[in-house]
Protein backbone atom coordinates (compact mmCIF):
# COMPACT_ATOMS: atom_id res chain seq x y z
CA MET A 1 -7.26 13.00 5.22
CA ARG A 2 -4.01 14.11 3.66
CA ALA A 3 -3.28 12.60 0.29
CA ASP A 4 0.40 12.04 1.15
CA LEU A 5 1.23 8.51 0.12
CA ALA A 6 -2.40 7.36 0.16
CA TRP A 7 -1.85 5.93 -3.31
CA ILE A 8 0.44 3.28 -1.96
CA VAL A 9 -1.86 1.38 0.32
CA LEU A 10 -5.25 -0.12 0.66
CA VAL A 11 -5.95 0.99 4.20
CA GLY A 12 -9.01 3.19 4.03
CA VAL A 13 -9.89 2.10 0.49
CA PRO A 14 -12.82 -0.30 0.80
CA ALA A 15 -12.80 -3.40 -1.35
CA CYS A 16 -16.59 -3.46 -1.19
CA GLY A 17 -18.86 -0.51 -1.77
CA PRO A 18 -21.56 0.36 0.77
CA ASN A 19 -24.20 -1.70 -1.04
CA GLU A 20 -22.06 -4.74 -1.72
CA PRO A 21 -22.14 -7.66 0.71
CA SER A 22 -18.92 -8.64 2.39
CA PRO A 23 -17.58 -11.83 0.86
CA ALA A 24 -17.53 -14.93 2.96
CA PRO A 25 -14.04 -15.86 4.05
CA ASN A 26 -12.66 -18.82 2.17
CA LEU A 27 -9.30 -19.07 3.89
CA ALA A 28 -8.61 -20.34 7.35
CA SER A 29 -7.79 -17.60 9.82
CA SER A 30 -4.42 -19.23 10.40
CA GLU A 31 -3.52 -18.88 6.70
CA CYS A 32 -4.37 -15.19 6.79
CA ALA A 33 -2.41 -14.83 10.04
CA ARG A 34 0.66 -16.47 8.47
CA SER A 35 0.34 -14.37 5.32
CA CYS A 36 -0.08 -11.15 7.31
CA GLU A 37 2.97 -12.03 9.37
CA ALA A 38 4.94 -12.39 6.12
CA ALA A 39 3.54 -9.07 4.86
CA GLY A 40 4.57 -7.51 8.16
CA ALA A 41 8.10 -8.79 7.67
CA CYS A 42 8.01 -6.94 4.31
CA LEU A 43 6.75 -3.80 6.12
CA LEU A 44 3.58 -4.02 4.01
CA ALA A 45 0.90 -5.29 6.41
CA PRO A 46 -2.17 -3.06 6.46
CA THR A 47 -3.90 -2.21 9.72
CA HIS A 48 -6.21 -5.05 10.75
CA CYS A 49 -4.51 -7.27 8.19
CA VAL A 50 -5.96 -10.62 9.31
CA VAL A 51 -9.56 -9.33 9.38
CA ARG A 52 -9.14 -7.67 5.99
CA CYS A 53 -7.53 -10.82 4.56
CA GLU A 54 -10.48 -12.91 5.74
CA GLN A 55 -13.16 -10.49 4.51
CA GLU A 56 -11.79 -8.74 1.41
CA PRO A 57 -10.89 -10.84 -1.65
CA GLU A 58 -8.60 -8.18 -3.13
CA VAL A 59 -6.56 -7.85 0.07
CA ARG A 60 -6.50 -11.64 0.48
CA ALA A 61 -5.20 -12.05 -3.07
CA CYS A 62 -2.26 -9.70 -2.50
CA ILE A 63 -1.44 -10.90 0.99
CA THR A 64 -1.64 -14.65 0.38
CA THR A 65 -0.61 -15.23 -3.23
CA ALA A 66 2.24 -12.78 -3.83
CA GLY A 67 5.39 -14.81 -3.39
CA ASP A 68 7.70 -12.12 -2.07
CA CYS A 69 7.80 -8.55 -0.82
CA ALA A 70 8.11 -7.04 -4.28
CA GLY A 71 5.13 -9.08 -5.48
CA ARG A 72 2.99 -7.92 -2.56
CA ALA A 73 3.95 -4.29 -3.15
CA THR A 74 3.15 -4.51 -6.86
CA CYS A 75 -0.19 -6.17 -6.16
CA LEU A 76 -1.23 -3.58 -3.56
CA LEU A 77 -0.37 -0.68 -5.85
CA LYS A 78 -2.10 -2.27 -8.83
CA GLN A 79 -5.21 -2.84 -6.76
CA LEU A 80 -5.37 0.69 -5.46
CA CYS A 81 -4.78 2.46 -8.77
CA ARG A 82 -6.47 -0.13 -11.01
CA THR A 83 -3.45 -0.12 -13.30
CA GLN A 84 0.16 -1.21 -13.21
CA VAL A 85 2.10 1.32 -11.16
CA PRO A 86 4.78 2.45 -11.16
CA ARG A 87 5.61 2.21 -14.85
CA GLY A 88 7.45 5.41 -15.70
CA THR A 89 11.05 6.54 -15.48
CA GLY A 90 10.88 8.87 -12.48
CA THR A 91 12.33 8.61 -9.00
CA CYS A 92 10.76 7.54 -5.74
CA LEU A 93 11.31 11.04 -4.33
CA GLY A 94 9.65 12.54 -7.40
CA ALA A 95 6.56 10.39 -6.82
CA LEU A 96 6.38 11.39 -3.14
CA THR A 97 6.86 15.06 -3.91
CA CYS A 98 4.18 14.92 -6.58
CA ALA A 99 1.72 13.12 -4.28
CA ARG A 100 2.02 15.76 -1.55
CA SER A 101 0.16 18.21 -3.78
CA CYS A 102 -2.70 15.82 -4.56
CA ALA A 103 -6.20 15.99 -3.13
CA GLU A 104 -7.62 12.84 -4.72
CA ILE A 105 -6.63 9.29 -5.53
CA ASP A 106 -6.40 9.70 -9.32
CA CYS A 107 -3.73 12.35 -8.82
CA VAL A 108 -1.66 10.24 -6.44
CA CYS A 109 -1.93 7.28 -8.79
CA ARG A 110 -0.59 9.43 -11.65
CA CYS A 111 2.33 10.39 -9.39
CA ALA A 112 3.03 6.73 -8.61
CA GLU A 113 2.67 5.77 -12.25
CA ALA A 114 5.44 8.21 -13.20
CA ALA A 115 8.00 6.41 -11.02
CA HIS A 116 10.23 3.64 -12.34
CA PRO A 117 9.09 0.11 -11.39
CA ARG A 118 12.29 -0.49 -9.42
CA HIS A 119 10.87 1.90 -6.78
CA THR A 120 7.70 -0.14 -6.16
CA LEU A 121 8.75 -1.81 -2.92
CA VAL A 122 10.20 1.27 -1.24
CA LEU A 123 7.17 3.36 -2.27
CA ALA A 124 4.80 0.77 -0.86
CA ARG A 125 6.73 0.47 2.40
CA ALA A 126 6.87 4.22 2.99
CA GLY A 127 3.21 4.64 2.17
CA GLN A 128 2.05 1.75 4.33
CA CYS A 129 3.94 3.20 7.27
CA VAL A 130 2.39 6.66 6.86
CA VAL A 131 -1.11 5.23 6.51
CA ASN A 132 -0.63 2.96 9.52
CA CYS A 133 0.14 6.21 11.39
CA ASP A 134 -3.27 7.54 10.23
CA PHE A 135 -1.39 10.29 8.38
CA ASP A 136 -0.30 11.77 11.73
CA GLU A 137 2.84 13.77 11.05
CA THR A 138 4.34 13.20 14.50
CA CYS A 139 3.85 9.45 14.22
CA ALA A 140 5.18 9.40 10.65
CA LYS A 141 8.30 11.33 11.66
CA ALA A 142 8.92 8.92 14.54
CA ARG A 143 8.15 5.64 12.74
CA CYS A 144 8.56 6.23 9.01
CA MET A 145 11.57 8.50 8.59
CA ALA A 146 13.98 5.71 7.61
CA LEU A 147 11.56 4.44 4.96
CA LEU A 148 10.92 7.93 3.61
CA GLN A 149 14.66 8.59 3.50
CA ALA A 150 15.23 5.29 1.68
CA CYS A 151 12.76 6.47 -0.94
CA ALA A 152 14.48 9.84 -1.21
CA LEU A 153 17.82 8.12 -1.82
CA GLN A 154 16.59 6.06 -4.75
């Protein structure tokens, strides 16, 4: 899997390790469905959002409790990198360019960390789009170009 933008999303990053039991869902499916619809409106819904919301506490926390798009983006990034990201002074384009050379999650998190917090939402949107395309370049060019360009312009 290419590391491009992987730092932005939770898709493909398990909330539970292989030996940990899946948590029992504690939210009604309809609440997860409503929350995932709102995340989708933010362009931040992960693949299989409702199932992940029901089964993964970390995903559920970001999807259901973050009050707005910026809150969801911040939560998803914080979850993935286990620290507050971004928190630097760099640009969105700088973070994307940096991440393209990474081969592991710690590297991409360092790239995200270097960006200024005002870029959180656009970074998260661009990354979610690329991951929802399974890192397929043709798909990403067709579906994600506007989001990637928005990042480049910030």
